[in-house]
Amino acid sequence: MLNTQFITARKLLREYKQVVEDVRRTKKPAIVTSNNVEQVAIIPVEDLKDLEMGKAQKSGQALLNLSKLFDALSKESNIPVDLATNHNYYAWGGEKDNVK
């Protein structure tokens, strides 16, 4: 954790404004510890936005990978094309839904 400052929860309580200003100004995260155990991190808003964007991109990539896998499986096996609309029929029997 390069360029990361560690502060105690007590210091955060006493010097809240200074800690937040330091993180904002220097763009260096602060890890808040309690009893020498890391509890939370205070990070610049820009870093949070970057993290959220990265998460969204990973989620999108995971969905794309799943889609590719399903596409490959459907070509290799006899998965019904109407599985999405008639999953109950294929799982438990009964009547098919005629959803269009």
C-alpha atoms as a PDB file:
ATOM      1  CA  MET A   1       0.000   0.000   0.000  1.00  0.00           C
ATOM      2  CA  LEU A   2       2.201   2.732  -1.318  1.00  0.00           C
ATOM      3  CA  ASN A   3       1.451   6.298  -0.326  1.00  0.00           C
ATOM      4  CA  THR A   4      -1.131   5.196   2.214  1.00  0.00           C
ATOM      5  CA  GLN A   5      -1.325   6.770   5.622  1.00  0.00           C
ATOM      6  CA  PHE A   6      -2.512   4.854   8.645  1.00  0.00           C
ATOM      7  CA  ILE A   7      -4.472   6.665  11.334  1.00  0.00           C
ATOM      8  CA  THR A   8      -6.166   5.501  14.481  1.00  0.00           C
ATOM      9  CA  ALA A   9      -9.889   5.768  14.995  1.00  0.00           C
ATOM     10  CA  ARG A  10      -9.165   8.067  17.930  1.00  0.00           C
ATOM     11  CA  LYS A  11      -7.145  10.418  15.712  1.00  0.00           C
ATOM     12  CA  LEU A  12      -9.950  10.418  13.164  1.00  0.00           C
ATOM     13  CA  LEU A  13     -12.420  11.418  15.871  1.00  0.00           C
ATOM     14  CA  ARG A  14     -10.155  14.205  17.114  1.00  0.00           C
ATOM     15  CA  GLU A  15      -8.898  15.476  13.752  1.00  0.00           C
ATOM     16  CA  TYR A  16     -11.666  14.593  11.326  1.00  0.00           C
ATOM     17  CA  LYS A  17     -11.445  17.769   9.226  1.00  0.00           C
ATOM     18  CA  GLN A  18      -7.661  17.598   8.946  1.00  0.00           C
ATOM     19  CA  VAL A  19      -7.657  13.915   7.946  1.00  0.00           C
ATOM     20  CA  VAL A  20     -10.307  14.459   5.269  1.00  0.00           C
ATOM     21  CA  GLU A  21      -8.511  17.548   3.965  1.00  0.00           C
ATOM     22  CA  ASP A  22      -5.194  15.648   3.799  1.00  0.00           C
ATOM     23  CA  VAL A  23      -6.792  12.822   1.799  1.00  0.00           C
ATOM     24  CA  ARG A  24      -8.507  15.285  -0.529  1.00  0.00           C
ATOM     25  CA  ARG A  25      -5.406  17.436  -1.047  1.00  0.00           C
ATOM     26  CA  THR A  26      -2.732  14.719  -1.360  1.00  0.00           C
ATOM     27  CA  LYS A  27      -4.947  12.081  -3.020  1.00  0.00           C
ATOM     28  CA  LYS A  28      -3.385   9.551  -0.630  1.00  0.00           C
ATOM     29  CA  PRO A  29      -5.821   7.139   1.048  1.00  0.00           C
ATOM     30  CA  ALA A  30      -5.994   6.844   4.814  1.00  0.00           C
ATOM     31  CA  ILE A  31      -6.555   3.499   6.503  1.00  0.00           C
ATOM     32  CA  VAL A  32      -8.341   3.807   9.824  1.00  0.00           C
ATOM     33  CA  THR A  33      -7.203   1.299  12.428  1.00  0.00           C
ATOM     34  CA  SER A  34      -8.632   0.271  15.751  1.00  0.00           C
ATOM     35  CA  ASN A  35      -6.545  -1.867  18.105  1.00  0.00           C
ATOM     36  CA  ASN A  36      -3.997  -2.176  15.262  1.00  0.00           C
ATOM     37  CA  VAL A  37      -6.608  -3.787  13.016  1.00  0.00           C
ATOM     38  CA  GLU A  38      -7.484  -2.133   9.709  1.00  0.00           C
ATOM     39  CA  GLN A  39     -11.156  -1.159   9.721  1.00  0.00           C
ATOM     40  CA  VAL A  40     -11.968   1.146   6.793  1.00  0.00           C
ATOM     41  CA  ALA A  41     -10.298   3.320   4.196  1.00  0.00           C
ATOM     42  CA  ILE A  42     -10.895   6.956   3.405  1.00  0.00           C
ATOM     43  CA  ILE A  43     -10.180   7.570  -0.262  1.00  0.00           C
ATOM     44  CA  PRO A  44     -10.529  10.502  -2.647  1.00  0.00           C
ATOM     45  CA  VAL A  45     -13.836  10.655  -4.516  1.00  0.00           C
ATOM     46  CA  GLU A  46     -12.020  10.238  -7.843  1.00  0.00           C
ATOM     47  CA  ASP A  47     -10.592   6.911  -6.649  1.00  0.00           C
ATOM     48  CA  LEU A  48     -14.054   5.745  -5.597  1.00  0.00           C
ATOM     49  CA  LYS A  49     -15.428   6.575  -9.046  1.00  0.00           C
ATOM     50  CA  ASP A  50     -12.553   4.644 -10.645  1.00  0.00           C
ATOM     51  CA  LEU A  51     -13.244   1.641  -8.408  1.00  0.00           C
ATOM     52  CA  GLU A  52     -16.941   1.710  -9.224  1.00  0.00           C
ATOM     53  CA  MET A  53     -16.194   1.949 -12.943  1.00  0.00           C
ATOM     54  CA  GLY A  54     -13.803  -0.996 -12.674  1.00  0.00           C
ATOM     55  CA  LYS A  55     -16.454  -3.049 -10.887  1.00  0.00           C
ATOM     56  CA  ALA A  56     -19.022  -2.238 -13.556  1.00  0.00           C
ATOM     57  CA  GLN A  57     -16.593  -3.205 -16.311  1.00  0.00           C
ATOM     58  CA  LYS A  58     -15.780  -6.490 -14.566  1.00  0.00           C
ATOM     59  CA  SER A  59     -19.493  -7.244 -14.170  1.00  0.00           C
ATOM     60  CA  GLY A  60     -20.086  -6.498 -17.825  1.00  0.00           C
ATOM     61  CA  GLN A  61     -17.163  -8.688 -18.845  1.00  0.00           C
ATOM     62  CA  ALA A  62     -18.452 -11.509 -16.645  1.00  0.00           C
ATOM     63  CA  LEU A  63     -21.876 -11.308 -18.321  1.00  0.00           C
ATOM     64  CA  LEU A  64     -20.269 -11.316 -21.741  1.00  0.00           C
ATOM     65  CA  ASN A  65     -18.188 -14.374 -20.813  1.00  0.00           C
ATOM     66  CA  LEU A  66     -21.310 -16.139 -19.517  1.00  0.00           C
ATOM     67  CA  SER A  67     -23.137 -15.272 -22.722  1.00  0.00           C
ATOM     68  CA  LYS A  68     -20.301 -16.711 -24.808  1.00  0.00           C
ATOM     69  CA  LEU A  69     -20.277 -19.859 -22.687  1.00  0.00           C
ATOM     70  CA  PHE A  70     -24.041 -20.311 -23.021  1.00  0.00           C
ATOM     71  CA  ASP A  71     -23.793 -19.713 -26.775  1.00  0.00           C
ATOM     72  CA  ALA A  72     -21.098 -22.386 -27.069  1.00  0.00           C
ATOM     73  CA  LEU A  73     -23.071 -24.829 -24.925  1.00  0.00           C
ATOM     74  CA  SER A  74     -26.271 -24.276 -26.873  1.00  0.00           C
ATOM     75  CA  LYS A  75     -24.486 -25.129 -30.126  1.00  0.00           C
ATOM     76  CA  GLU A  76     -23.019 -28.306 -28.640  1.00  0.00           C
ATOM     77  CA  SER A  77     -26.158 -29.626 -26.959  1.00  0.00           C
ATOM     78  CA  ASN A  78     -29.873 -29.738 -27.462  1.00  0.00           C
ATOM     79  CA  ILE A  79     -30.892 -26.820 -25.277  1.00  0.00           C
ATOM     80  CA  PRO A  80     -34.406 -25.728 -26.268  1.00  0.00           C
ATOM     81  CA  VAL A  81     -34.516 -22.299 -27.910  1.00  0.00           C
ATOM     82  CA  ASP A  82     -37.544 -21.337 -25.786  1.00  0.00           C
ATOM     83  CA  LEU A  83     -35.911 -22.276 -22.488  1.00  0.00           C
ATOM     84  CA  ALA A  84     -36.094 -18.700 -21.166  1.00  0.00           C
ATOM     85  CA  THR A  85     -39.881 -18.505 -21.562  1.00  0.00           C
ATOM     86  CA  ASN A  86     -40.722 -22.134 -20.789  1.00  0.00           C
ATOM     87  CA  HIS A  87     -38.243 -22.999 -18.051  1.00  0.00           C
ATOM     88  CA  ASN A  88     -41.032 -24.284 -15.773  1.00  0.00           C
ATOM     89  CA  TYR A  89     -42.188 -26.707 -18.471  1.00  0.00           C
ATOM     90  CA  TYR A  90     -38.690 -28.099 -18.943  1.00  0.00           C
ATOM     91  CA  ALA A  91     -37.991 -28.262 -15.209  1.00  0.00           C
ATOM     92  CA  TRP A  92     -41.282 -29.692 -13.913  1.00  0.00           C
ATOM     93  CA  GLY A  93     -43.465 -30.567 -16.889  1.00  0.00           C
ATOM     94  CA  GLY A  94     -46.945 -29.249 -17.470  1.00  0.00           C
ATOM     95  CA  GLU A  95     -47.891 -26.883 -20.251  1.00  0.00           C
ATOM     96  CA  LYS A  96     -45.690 -24.546 -22.235  1.00  0.00           C
ATOM     97  CA  ASP A  97     -46.259 -20.822 -22.054  1.00  0.00           C
ATOM     98  CA  ASN A  98     -47.058 -19.322 -25.410  1.00  0.00           C
ATOM     99  CA  VAL A  99     -45.255 -16.048 -24.796  1.00  0.00           C
ATOM    100  CA  LYS A 100     -44.183 -14.117 -27.863  1.00  0.00           C
END
